[in-house]
Amino acid sequence: MSFTHAYEWLGPVMFLAALFLLAWGYPVAFSLAGVAIVFGVIGVGLGLFDPILLVALPSRIFGTMSNYTLLAIPYFIFLGSMLEKSGLAEDLLETAGILLGPLRGGLALAVVLVGALLAATTGVVAATVVAMGLISMPIMLRYNYNKELACGVICASGTLGQIIPPSVVLVVLGDQLGVSVGKLFIGSLLPGIIMTGAFALYCVVLAYFKPTLAPALPLTMRTISGRALMVRVLKVMLPPLVLIMLVLGSIFQGIATPTEAGAVGALGATVLAWLNRKLSWQALREVVDATMRVTTMVIFILFGSTAFSLIFRAVHGDAFMRDLLTNLPGGTTGFILICMLVVFILGFFIDFFEIAFIVVPLFVPPAQILGVDLVWFGVVLGANLQTSFLTPPFGFSLFYLRGVAPPDVTTGHIYRGAVPFVLIQIAVLFLIILFPDLVNILLRFSGQ
């Protein structure tokens, strides 16, 4: 046994140490950096690598800071925060509720529709779930919607921000997988539409067979109709749709990069808020503060993960993981199943940023060796993360709703309501895995 092989256990132990600290609740960036320091000292002490290797760390961090793709993250976060803080999201949901209210399950359909629209403009799960929980939950309960259905549809629709472009998740995955973010956006569009359609179909079928669970709005609530309703729909719903088309259309047509399109979207959301007289200094301060907080968190996690990955490779952890994942039973199929299981389980406990920066880079070399299409792989990972965000008992989306739900809505209601939508998401995930053309067909049409 060679000297290096004698200490090949250091890589897995380092990975588990980081996960332990994360599960314990220690800040992510400091967990990764702290583990890197400890194992760096151990590696140098054992003579596994020369201390001069650590000189590469500052240049790697500066390389991260100059990453043009990641600049899209603050733009999309700003865009979503502006729609939420300015009240435009609330107007969207209210208008959709009036438009679809006469139908059985109309409010649930409105939540799915607005969830998809917010996903296509914000890409941030927490903002979407919290906004719709605060706005739609009281209305649905007031008009005798089943509590489980109300909770489930809000949580599920909020998670659409994981897969429907322009998703922050896809931006980060594109960077970590080394593939075009624009291609990930195009590839995820059809799966995102299928997921949205599946949620809507479930609500329609349930309301048809069990109308008491999702009744239509009473006539007294339909205070606006005809021409007035059409004017309101055009005024409230058309501008966000135009904004979505500008952002996604410019990316899909190759006119703008995701970063440039994100900047246009952020400016467009600000203009919309101003035109609707919803833009105030207080709202702007809150939007900027939210953007700064999330972006700073991402950057610090990147710093920690950069240090972690450098030391992890120095102790030959990457070689260990590559050999392990490429020699699984079942070849490529076994690799995909294990990757999906790992990401699904980790999604219960840690945020997608940590998964993307710690785990996904370990999957890339084996995927390349096995000939896996990394764009398709990125879309599958995004759909998987969406499922884990919704799955009881630890799904993040459930916790976001729990924080804003009325007192009479229990954790049990939220968990039970999420289960049917989890099953729908798993079914769509398997469709994407079994039929890769769901991802690739739009890429072929777009010529990318």
Protein backbone atom coordinates (compact mmCIF):
# COMPACT_ATOMS: atom_id res chain seq x y z
CA MET A 1 0.00 0.00 0.00
CA SER A 2 1.40 3.41 -1.01
CA PHE A 3 1.77 6.28 1.46
CA THR A 4 -1.06 8.22 -0.23
CA HIS A 5 -3.45 5.25 -0.19
CA ALA A 6 -2.76 4.73 3.50
CA TYR A 7 -4.45 8.06 4.19
CA GLU A 8 -7.20 7.96 1.56
CA TRP A 9 -9.75 7.95 4.39
CA LEU A 10 -8.95 11.62 5.12
CA GLY A 11 -11.13 12.87 2.24
CA PRO A 12 -14.34 11.09 3.33
CA VAL A 13 -13.72 12.02 6.98
CA MET A 14 -13.25 15.66 5.96
CA PHE A 15 -16.54 15.60 4.04
CA LEU A 16 -18.40 14.01 6.97
CA ALA A 17 -16.88 16.53 9.40
CA ALA A 18 -18.27 19.38 7.31
CA LEU A 19 -21.72 17.76 7.17
CA PHE A 20 -21.64 17.21 10.94
CA LEU A 21 -20.96 20.89 11.60
CA LEU A 22 -23.70 21.91 9.17
CA ALA A 23 -26.22 19.54 10.80
CA TRP A 24 -25.19 20.97 14.18
CA GLY A 25 -26.23 24.40 12.94
CA TYR A 26 -22.80 26.00 12.67
CA PRO A 27 -22.60 28.73 9.95
CA VAL A 28 -21.90 27.19 6.57
CA ALA A 29 -19.00 29.39 5.47
CA PHE A 30 -17.20 28.95 8.79
CA SER A 31 -17.89 25.21 8.85
CA LEU A 32 -16.25 24.73 5.47
CA ALA A 33 -13.33 27.06 6.15
CA GLY A 34 -12.74 25.64 9.64
CA VAL A 35 -12.69 22.05 8.39
CA ALA A 36 -10.33 23.11 5.60
CA ILE A 37 -7.91 24.67 8.10
CA VAL A 38 -7.92 21.64 10.42
CA PHE A 39 -7.42 19.09 7.64
CA GLY A 40 -4.91 21.35 5.91
CA VAL A 41 -2.77 21.24 9.04
CA ILE A 42 -3.22 17.45 9.22
CA GLY A 43 -2.32 17.04 5.54
CA VAL A 44 0.84 19.14 5.88
CA GLY A 45 1.79 17.29 9.08
CA LEU A 46 1.44 13.92 7.37
CA GLY A 47 3.36 15.14 4.35
CA LEU A 48 0.46 14.59 1.93
CA PHE A 49 1.10 17.93 0.23
CA ASP A 50 3.54 20.81 0.34
CA PRO A 51 2.48 23.92 2.35
CA ILE A 52 3.22 25.99 -0.77
CA LEU A 53 -0.14 24.71 -2.10
CA LEU A 54 -1.92 27.09 0.26
CA VAL A 55 -0.51 30.01 -1.71
CA ALA A 56 -3.07 29.13 -4.41
CA LEU A 57 -5.98 29.93 -2.09
CA PRO A 58 -6.01 33.75 -2.49
CA SER A 59 -5.90 33.50 -6.29
CA ARG A 60 -8.78 31.02 -6.22
CA ILE A 61 -10.85 33.36 -4.04
CA PHE A 62 -10.14 36.33 -6.32
CA GLY A 63 -11.07 34.10 -9.25
CA THR A 64 -14.43 33.47 -7.57
CA MET A 65 -14.97 37.20 -7.04
CA SER A 66 -14.38 37.85 -10.75
CA ASN A 67 -16.86 35.16 -11.85
CA TYR A 68 -19.20 37.01 -14.22
CA THR A 69 -21.88 34.29 -14.15
CA LEU A 70 -22.43 34.56 -10.40
CA LEU A 71 -23.14 38.27 -10.81
CA ALA A 72 -26.61 37.20 -11.97
CA ILE A 73 -27.51 36.12 -8.42
CA PRO A 74 -27.89 39.61 -6.85
CA TYR A 75 -29.82 40.81 -9.91
CA PHE A 76 -32.41 38.02 -9.69
CA ILE A 77 -32.68 38.36 -5.91
CA PHE A 78 -33.24 42.11 -6.31
CA LEU A 79 -35.88 41.44 -8.97
CA GLY A 80 -37.82 39.04 -6.76
CA SER A 81 -37.54 41.19 -3.65
CA MET A 82 -38.79 44.23 -5.55
CA LEU A 83 -41.91 42.38 -6.74
CA GLU A 84 -42.58 41.19 -3.20
CA LYS A 85 -41.84 44.38 -1.24
CA SER A 86 -43.66 46.67 -3.66
CA GLY A 87 -46.88 44.67 -3.40
CA LEU A 88 -46.91 43.60 -7.05
CA ALA A 89 -46.95 39.93 -6.04
CA GLU A 90 -49.99 40.57 -3.86
CA ASP A 91 -51.81 42.30 -6.74
CA LEU A 92 -50.98 39.35 -9.00
CA LEU A 93 -52.46 36.80 -6.61
CA GLU A 94 -55.55 38.88 -5.89
CA THR A 95 -56.28 39.39 -9.59
CA ALA A 96 -55.71 35.72 -10.43
CA GLY A 97 -58.03 34.77 -7.55
CA ILE A 98 -60.82 37.00 -8.89
CA LEU A 99 -60.30 35.70 -12.44
CA LEU A 100 -60.35 32.00 -11.49
CA GLY A 101 -62.51 32.25 -8.36
CA PRO A 102 -65.77 31.19 -10.07
CA LEU A 103 -64.22 27.77 -10.76
CA ARG A 104 -64.06 24.98 -8.23
CA GLY A 105 -60.51 25.00 -6.98
CA GLY A 106 -60.04 28.40 -8.63
CA LEU A 107 -58.08 29.87 -5.73
CA ALA A 108 -55.75 26.86 -5.73
CA LEU A 109 -55.24 27.29 -9.48
CA ALA A 110 -54.53 30.98 -8.89
CA VAL A 111 -51.83 30.07 -6.36
CA VAL A 112 -50.21 27.64 -8.85
CA LEU A 113 -50.36 30.24 -11.64
CA VAL A 114 -48.92 33.04 -9.53
CA GLY A 115 -46.35 30.66 -8.06
CA ALA A 116 -45.14 29.90 -11.56
CA LEU A 117 -45.08 33.60 -12.50
CA LEU A 118 -43.15 34.52 -9.36
CA ALA A 119 -40.79 31.60 -9.99
CA ALA A 120 -40.18 32.93 -13.49
CA THR A 121 -39.31 36.36 -12.09
CA THR A 122 -37.70 35.69 -8.70
CA GLY A 123 -36.22 32.20 -8.65
CA VAL A 124 -36.20 32.40 -4.83
CA VAL A 125 -38.25 29.78 -2.94
CA ALA A 126 -38.36 31.49 0.45
CA ALA A 127 -39.69 34.78 -0.97
CA THR A 128 -42.40 33.01 -3.00
CA VAL A 129 -43.63 30.72 -0.20
CA VAL A 130 -43.69 33.49 2.41
CA ALA A 131 -45.42 35.96 0.09
CA MET A 132 -48.14 33.50 -0.96
CA GLY A 133 -48.52 32.17 2.59
CA LEU A 134 -49.19 35.68 3.91
CA ILE A 135 -51.48 36.67 1.04
CA SER A 136 -53.41 33.58 -0.03
CA MET A 137 -53.63 31.39 3.08
CA PRO A 138 -56.11 33.65 4.97
CA ILE A 139 -58.27 34.03 1.84
CA MET A 140 -58.38 30.28 1.15
CA LEU A 141 -59.27 29.47 4.74
CA ARG A 142 -61.90 32.22 4.86
CA TYR A 143 -63.74 30.57 1.97
CA ASN A 144 -63.63 27.05 3.43
CA TYR A 145 -60.70 25.55 1.55
CA ASN A 146 -59.37 22.36 3.04
CA LYS A 147 -56.36 23.26 5.21
CA GLU A 148 -54.18 20.43 3.88
CA LEU A 149 -54.86 21.42 0.27
CA ALA A 150 -54.22 25.11 0.98
CA CYS A 151 -50.90 24.33 2.69
CA GLY A 152 -49.81 21.84 0.05
CA VAL A 153 -50.52 24.03 -2.95
CA ILE A 154 -48.74 27.05 -1.41
CA CYS A 155 -45.62 25.06 -0.48
CA ALA A 156 -45.50 23.22 -3.82
CA SER A 157 -46.05 26.32 -5.95
CA GLY A 158 -43.33 28.12 -4.00
CA THR A 159 -40.79 25.45 -4.87
CA LEU A 160 -41.31 26.04 -8.60
CA GLY A 161 -38.62 28.69 -8.23
CA GLN A 162 -36.09 25.86 -8.09
CA ILE A 163 -36.70 24.64 -11.65
CA ILE A 164 -38.47 27.39 -13.61
CA PRO A 165 -35.93 29.82 -15.09
CA PRO A 166 -34.45 32.25 -14.22
CA SER A 167 -33.71 30.19 -11.12
CA VAL A 168 -30.90 31.13 -8.73
CA VAL A 169 -30.46 27.38 -8.22
CA LEU A 170 -29.73 26.91 -11.92
CA VAL A 171 -27.30 29.84 -11.95
CA VAL A 172 -25.26 28.24 -9.16
CA LEU A 173 -25.54 24.74 -10.66
CA GLY A 174 -24.37 26.05 -14.03
CA ASP A 175 -21.30 27.57 -12.42
CA GLN A 176 -20.46 24.43 -10.44
CA LEU A 177 -21.10 22.04 -13.33
CA GLY A 178 -19.15 24.20 -15.75
CA VAL A 179 -22.02 24.48 -18.26
CA SER A 180 -23.85 27.41 -19.80
CA VAL A 181 -26.48 28.89 -17.48
CA GLY A 182 -28.45 29.88 -20.58
CA LYS A 183 -28.58 26.23 -21.68
CA LEU A 184 -29.77 25.20 -18.20
CA PHE A 185 -32.51 27.83 -18.38
CA ILE A 186 -33.68 26.58 -21.79
CA GLY A 187 -33.45 22.92 -20.76
CA SER A 188 -35.44 23.44 -17.55
CA LEU A 189 -38.29 25.40 -19.14
CA LEU A 190 -40.33 22.44 -20.41
CA PRO A 191 -39.87 20.36 -17.19
CA GLY A 192 -40.93 23.44 -15.21
CA ILE A 193 -44.07 23.84 -17.33
CA ILE A 194 -44.87 20.13 -16.93
CA MET A 195 -44.44 20.42 -13.16
CA THR A 196 -46.74 23.46 -13.05
CA GLY A 197 -49.32 21.72 -15.23
CA ALA A 198 -49.23 18.62 -13.02
CA PHE A 199 -49.92 20.72 -9.91
CA ALA A 200 -52.79 22.51 -11.64
CA LEU A 201 -54.27 19.24 -12.95
CA TYR A 202 -54.23 17.75 -9.45
CA CYS A 203 -56.13 20.77 -8.07
CA VAL A 204 -58.73 20.58 -10.86
CA VAL A 205 -59.28 16.81 -10.47
CA LEU A 206 -59.49 17.04 -6.67
CA ALA A 207 -61.97 19.91 -6.83
CA TYR A 208 -64.10 18.00 -9.36
CA PHE A 209 -64.38 14.84 -7.28
CA LYS A 210 -64.38 16.54 -3.86
CA PRO A 211 -65.89 20.01 -4.36
CA THR A 212 -66.15 20.67 -0.62
CA LEU A 213 -62.35 20.71 -0.36
CA ALA A 214 -61.95 23.56 -2.86
CA PRO A 215 -65.22 25.47 -3.35
CA ALA A 216 -65.73 28.32 -5.80
CA LEU A 217 -65.80 31.86 -4.45
CA PRO A 218 -69.31 33.01 -3.45
CA LEU A 219 -71.11 35.44 -5.77
CA THR A 220 -70.75 38.22 -3.19
CA MET A 221 -66.97 38.11 -3.67
CA ARG A 222 -67.08 38.50 -7.43
CA THR A 223 -67.30 42.26 -7.20
CA ILE A 224 -65.59 42.90 -10.50
CA SER A 225 -66.37 41.36 -13.87
CA GLY A 226 -66.60 42.01 -17.59
CA ARG A 227 -64.66 44.97 -18.97
CA ALA A 228 -63.40 46.09 -15.56
CA LEU A 229 -61.97 42.64 -14.87
CA MET A 230 -60.29 42.52 -18.26
CA VAL A 231 -58.70 45.94 -17.67
CA ARG A 232 -57.43 44.80 -14.28
CA VAL A 233 -55.99 41.58 -15.72
CA LEU A 234 -54.17 43.52 -18.44
CA LYS A 235 -52.89 46.10 -15.97
CA VAL A 236 -51.72 43.69 -13.28
CA MET A 237 -50.76 40.49 -15.10
CA LEU A 238 -49.52 41.69 -18.49
CA PRO A 239 -46.53 43.78 -17.29
CA PRO A 240 -44.93 40.91 -15.29
CA LEU A 241 -45.45 38.61 -18.29
CA VAL A 242 -43.71 41.14 -20.54
CA LEU A 243 -40.88 41.36 -18.02
CA ILE A 244 -40.54 37.57 -18.01
CA MET A 245 -40.48 37.51 -21.81
CA LEU A 246 -37.80 40.21 -21.87
CA VAL A 247 -35.60 38.39 -19.37
CA LEU A 248 -35.99 34.84 -20.67
CA GLY A 249 -36.42 35.78 -24.32
CA SER A 250 -33.16 37.73 -24.38
CA ILE A 251 -31.35 34.72 -22.87
CA PHE A 252 -32.99 32.15 -25.14
CA GLN A 253 -32.32 34.19 -28.27
CA GLY A 254 -28.68 34.71 -27.30
CA ILE A 255 -29.15 38.49 -27.18
CA ALA A 256 -28.04 38.74 -23.54
CA THR A 257 -26.23 36.62 -20.99
CA PRO A 258 -28.14 35.59 -17.81
CA THR A 259 -26.24 38.31 -15.93
CA GLU A 260 -27.20 41.00 -18.43
CA ALA A 261 -30.80 39.76 -18.55
CA GLY A 262 -30.91 39.78 -14.74
CA ALA A 263 -29.84 43.43 -14.73
CA VAL A 264 -32.62 44.26 -17.21
CA GLY A 265 -35.10 42.34 -15.05
CA ALA A 266 -34.05 44.18 -11.87
CA LEU A 267 -34.47 47.53 -13.62
CA GLY A 268 -37.79 46.39 -15.14
CA ALA A 269 -39.18 45.36 -11.74
CA THR A 270 -38.20 48.75 -10.31
CA VAL A 271 -39.92 50.56 -13.19
CA LEU A 272 -43.06 48.43 -12.72
CA ALA A 273 -43.15 49.27 -9.02
CA TRP A 274 -42.76 52.98 -9.86
CA LEU A 275 -45.48 52.92 -12.53
CA ASN A 276 -47.86 51.25 -10.07
CA ARG A 277 -46.98 53.86 -7.44
CA LYS A 278 -45.65 51.13 -5.16
CA LEU A 279 -42.03 52.31 -5.11
CA SER A 280 -40.98 54.05 -1.92
CA TRP A 281 -37.66 54.72 -0.21
CA GLN A 282 -38.65 52.27 2.53
CA ALA A 283 -39.42 49.53 0.03
CA LEU A 284 -36.19 50.23 -1.87
CA ARG A 285 -34.14 50.05 1.34
CA GLU A 286 -35.74 46.71 2.23
CA VAL A 287 -35.09 45.32 -1.26
CA VAL A 288 -31.46 46.42 -1.24
CA ASP A 289 -30.99 45.05 2.28
CA ALA A 290 -32.47 41.65 1.34
CA THR A 291 -30.32 41.50 -1.79
CA MET A 292 -27.18 42.40 0.14
CA ARG A 293 -27.83 39.82 2.86
CA VAL A 294 -28.43 36.89 0.50
CA THR A 295 -25.58 37.85 -1.83
CA THR A 296 -23.13 38.25 1.07
CA MET A 297 -24.16 34.84 2.38
CA VAL A 298 -23.51 33.26 -1.02
CA ILE A 299 -20.10 34.94 -1.37
CA PHE A 300 -18.95 33.82 2.08
CA ILE A 301 -20.12 30.28 1.37
CA LEU A 302 -18.12 30.45 -1.86
CA PHE A 303 -15.01 31.51 0.09
CA GLY A 304 -15.44 28.63 2.52
CA SER A 305 -16.17 26.09 -0.23
CA THR A 306 -13.11 27.29 -2.20
CA ALA A 307 -10.85 26.58 0.77
CA PHE A 308 -12.64 23.28 1.41
CA SER A 309 -12.31 22.05 -2.18
CA LEU A 310 -8.61 22.99 -2.34
CA ILE A 311 -7.73 20.96 0.78
CA PHE A 312 -10.15 18.17 -0.17
CA ARG A 313 -8.29 17.68 -3.44
CA ALA A 314 -4.93 18.01 -1.68
CA VAL A 315 -5.76 15.02 0.58
CA HIS A 316 -6.94 13.12 -2.55
CA GLY A 317 -10.60 13.14 -1.53
CA ASP A 318 -11.64 13.93 -5.11
CA ALA A 319 -9.83 10.83 -6.41
CA PHE A 320 -11.50 8.68 -3.76
CA MET A 321 -14.98 9.99 -4.69
CA ARG A 322 -14.29 9.65 -8.41
CA ASP A 323 -13.22 6.01 -8.04
CA LEU A 324 -16.18 5.27 -5.78
CA LEU A 325 -18.82 6.83 -8.03
CA THR A 326 -17.49 5.47 -11.32
CA ASN A 327 -17.37 1.89 -10.03
CA LEU A 328 -20.89 1.65 -8.66
CA PRO A 329 -23.05 -1.34 -9.69
CA GLY A 330 -25.16 -0.45 -12.72
CA GLY A 331 -22.68 1.97 -14.27
CA THR A 332 -24.29 5.24 -15.32
CA THR A 333 -27.71 4.22 -13.97
CA GLY A 334 -26.24 3.39 -10.57
CA PHE A 335 -24.34 6.69 -10.55
CA ILE A 336 -27.49 8.71 -11.34
CA LEU A 337 -29.54 6.91 -8.68
CA ILE A 338 -26.91 7.41 -5.98
CA CYS A 339 -26.49 11.08 -6.89
CA MET A 340 -30.24 11.63 -6.76
CA LEU A 341 -30.53 9.84 -3.41
CA VAL A 342 -27.65 11.81 -1.86
CA VAL A 343 -29.01 15.18 -3.04
CA PHE A 344 -32.56 14.26 -1.98
CA ILE A 345 -31.48 13.33 1.55
CA LEU A 346 -29.12 16.28 1.97
CA GLY A 347 -31.91 18.58 0.83
CA PHE A 348 -33.72 17.78 4.09
CA PHE A 349 -30.95 19.23 6.21
CA ILE A 350 -28.94 21.83 4.30
CA ASP A 351 -29.71 24.57 1.82
CA PHE A 352 -29.17 24.22 -1.93
CA PHE A 353 -26.19 26.61 -1.81
CA GLU A 354 -24.30 24.19 0.43
CA ILE A 355 -25.27 21.21 -1.72
CA ALA A 356 -24.20 23.02 -4.88
CA PHE A 357 -20.85 24.16 -3.51
CA ILE A 358 -19.91 21.02 -1.55
CA VAL A 359 -21.51 17.99 -3.20
CA VAL A 360 -22.10 18.86 -6.86
CA PRO A 361 -18.39 19.42 -7.68
CA LEU A 362 -17.74 15.84 -6.51
CA PHE A 363 -20.24 14.56 -9.08
CA VAL A 364 -18.74 16.35 -12.09
CA PRO A 365 -15.59 14.24 -12.79
CA PRO A 366 -17.44 10.88 -12.53
CA ALA A 367 -20.27 12.26 -14.70
CA GLN A 368 -17.77 13.31 -17.36
CA ILE A 369 -16.05 9.92 -17.25
CA LEU A 370 -19.41 8.14 -17.62
CA GLY A 371 -20.48 10.43 -20.48
CA VAL A 372 -23.44 12.02 -18.68
CA ASP A 373 -24.90 15.12 -20.36
CA LEU A 374 -24.14 17.82 -17.76
CA VAL A 375 -26.94 20.15 -18.90
CA TRP A 376 -29.51 17.38 -18.47
CA PHE A 377 -27.82 16.40 -15.21
CA GLY A 378 -28.14 19.98 -13.93
CA VAL A 379 -31.87 20.09 -14.70
CA VAL A 380 -32.39 16.74 -12.95
CA LEU A 381 -30.47 18.00 -9.92
CA GLY A 382 -32.64 21.13 -9.85
CA ALA A 383 -35.86 19.07 -9.97
CA ASN A 384 -34.51 16.80 -7.24
CA LEU A 385 -33.68 19.76 -5.01
CA GLN A 386 -37.21 21.05 -5.59
CA THR A 387 -38.60 17.73 -4.34
CA SER A 388 -36.41 17.68 -1.24
CA PHE A 389 -37.50 21.24 -0.38
CA LEU A 390 -41.09 19.99 -0.12
CA THR A 391 -40.67 16.58 1.54
CA PRO A 392 -41.68 16.18 5.23
CA PRO A 393 -40.43 16.36 7.87
CA PHE A 394 -37.50 18.65 7.03
CA GLY A 395 -38.42 20.33 3.73
CA PHE A 396 -37.43 24.00 3.84
CA SER A 397 -40.60 25.11 2.06
CA LEU A 398 -42.67 23.61 4.87
CA PHE A 399 -40.72 25.57 7.47
CA TYR A 400 -41.13 28.81 5.51
CA LEU A 401 -44.93 28.35 5.49
CA ARG A 402 -45.00 27.30 9.14
CA GLY A 403 -43.42 30.63 10.03
CA VAL A 404 -46.25 32.68 8.49
CA ALA A 405 -49.26 30.32 8.79
CA PRO A 406 -52.21 31.25 11.07
CA PRO A 407 -52.29 29.61 14.52
CA ASP A 408 -55.13 27.24 13.56
CA VAL A 409 -52.98 25.69 10.82
CA THR A 410 -50.86 23.00 12.43
CA THR A 411 -47.61 21.41 11.31
CA GLY A 412 -49.63 18.25 10.65
CA HIS A 413 -51.82 20.11 8.15
CA ILE A 414 -48.72 21.34 6.32
CA TYR A 415 -47.06 17.90 6.25
CA ARG A 416 -50.19 16.06 5.09
CA GLY A 417 -50.92 18.69 2.45
CA ALA A 418 -47.40 18.40 1.02
CA VAL A 419 -47.46 14.62 0.48
CA PRO A 420 -49.57 14.50 -2.75
CA PHE A 421 -47.43 17.22 -4.31
CA VAL A 422 -44.23 15.39 -3.33
CA LEU A 423 -45.53 12.32 -5.19
CA ILE A 424 -46.31 14.51 -8.23
CA GLN A 425 -42.81 15.99 -8.15
CA ILE A 426 -41.21 12.54 -7.91
CA ALA A 427 -43.27 11.37 -10.88
CA VAL A 428 -42.14 14.36 -12.97
CA LEU A 429 -38.53 13.82 -11.83
CA PHE A 430 -38.66 10.24 -13.09
CA LEU A 431 -40.13 11.48 -16.40
CA ILE A 432 -37.16 13.82 -16.83
CA ILE A 433 -34.74 10.97 -16.07
CA LEU A 434 -36.48 8.48 -18.35
CA PHE A 435 -37.04 10.93 -21.22
CA PRO A 436 -33.99 13.22 -21.56
CA ASP A 437 -35.59 14.85 -24.61
CA LEU A 438 -37.83 16.79 -22.22
CA VAL A 439 -34.67 18.76 -21.49
CA ASN A 440 -32.95 18.58 -24.86
CA ILE A 441 -35.78 19.31 -27.30
CA LEU A 442 -35.86 23.09 -26.70
CA LEU A 443 -32.06 23.17 -26.79
CA ARG A 444 -32.15 21.64 -30.28
CA PHE A 445 -34.80 24.11 -31.46
CA SER A 446 -32.82 27.03 -30.08
CA GLY A 447 -29.67 25.80 -31.78
CA GLN A 448 -27.69 25.63 -28.53
